[in-house]
Amino acid sequence: MTTISLTGSQPMPRGRLAAGLGALVLSRLAQVWRNYTTRRDLAALDDRMLQDLGISRAQAQFEANRAIWR
């Protein structure tokens, strides 16, 4: 029987796979934290600051209320 390799490389060793998954999880957690902090900060801005940014209070509230994982 003939085996065809779609990737053209050897399987990734478990240590490298675990490190890659760990890095992916940490990267995603960092993104979720950034979403949380920036949306919290956006919600705390007063109307003058929002006007300087060119967004309305409703737009700021909509963004601030979005799920942090999105």
Protein backbone atom coordinates (compact mmCIF):
# COMPACT_ATOMS: atom_id res chain seq x y z
CA MET A 1 0.00 0.00 0.00
CA THR A 2 1.24 3.50 -0.83
CA THR A 3 1.08 6.34 1.66
CA ILE A 4 0.64 9.89 0.40
CA SER A 5 1.83 12.78 2.55
CA LEU A 6 -0.23 15.91 2.06
CA THR A 7 2.16 18.13 3.98
CA GLY A 8 5.42 16.64 2.74
CA SER A 9 6.88 16.56 6.25
CA GLN A 10 7.12 14.33 9.26
CA PRO A 11 4.50 14.47 12.04
CA MET A 12 5.20 17.17 14.62
CA PRO A 13 6.75 15.86 17.87
CA ARG A 14 4.44 16.10 20.88
CA GLY A 15 6.59 18.68 22.66
CA ARG A 16 6.47 21.07 19.73
CA LEU A 17 2.76 20.46 19.26
CA ALA A 18 2.08 21.22 22.93
CA ALA A 19 4.25 24.36 22.75
CA GLY A 20 2.40 25.48 19.62
CA LEU A 21 -0.99 24.94 21.25
CA GLY A 22 0.18 26.69 24.41
CA ALA A 23 1.31 29.70 22.37
CA LEU A 24 -2.03 29.73 20.55
CA VAL A 25 -3.97 29.68 23.82
CA LEU A 26 -1.83 32.45 25.30
CA SER A 27 -2.26 34.55 22.18
CA ARG A 28 -6.03 34.13 22.31
CA LEU A 29 -6.15 34.97 26.02
CA ALA A 30 -4.13 38.12 25.35
CA GLN A 31 -6.63 39.15 22.65
CA VAL A 32 -9.58 38.55 24.99
CA TRP A 33 -7.88 40.63 27.69
CA ARG A 34 -7.23 43.47 25.20
CA ASN A 35 -10.90 43.36 24.16
CA TYR A 36 -12.00 43.52 27.79
CA THR A 37 -9.76 46.43 28.76
CA THR A 38 -10.34 48.56 25.65
CA ARG A 39 -14.12 48.09 25.83
CA ARG A 40 -14.11 48.94 29.53
CA ASP A 41 -12.09 52.07 28.80
CA LEU A 42 -14.37 53.02 25.91
CA ALA A 43 -17.43 52.76 28.16
CA ALA A 44 -15.77 55.09 30.68
CA LEU A 45 -15.20 57.95 28.19
CA ASP A 46 -17.35 61.04 28.55
CA ASP A 47 -19.39 62.51 25.69
CA ARG A 48 -16.73 65.11 24.84
CA MET A 49 -14.07 62.44 24.45
CA LEU A 50 -16.38 60.30 22.34
CA GLN A 51 -17.12 63.30 20.14
CA ASP A 52 -13.35 63.79 19.67
CA LEU A 53 -13.19 60.20 18.46
CA GLY A 54 -16.15 60.73 16.15
CA ILE A 55 -18.43 58.14 17.71
CA SER A 56 -21.74 58.45 19.51
CA ARG A 57 -22.60 57.25 23.00
CA ALA A 58 -24.82 54.56 21.43
CA GLN A 59 -21.95 53.30 19.25
CA ALA A 60 -19.62 53.22 22.26
CA GLN A 61 -22.17 51.32 24.35
CA PHE A 62 -22.80 48.85 21.53
CA GLU A 63 -19.07 48.10 21.26
CA ALA A 64 -18.56 48.03 25.02
CA ASN A 65 -21.38 45.49 25.43
CA ARG A 66 -20.03 43.04 22.84
CA ALA A 67 -18.74 39.69 24.11
CA ILE A 68 -15.04 39.87 24.97
CA TRP A 69 -14.22 36.77 22.92
CA ARG A 70 -15.38 38.44 19.70
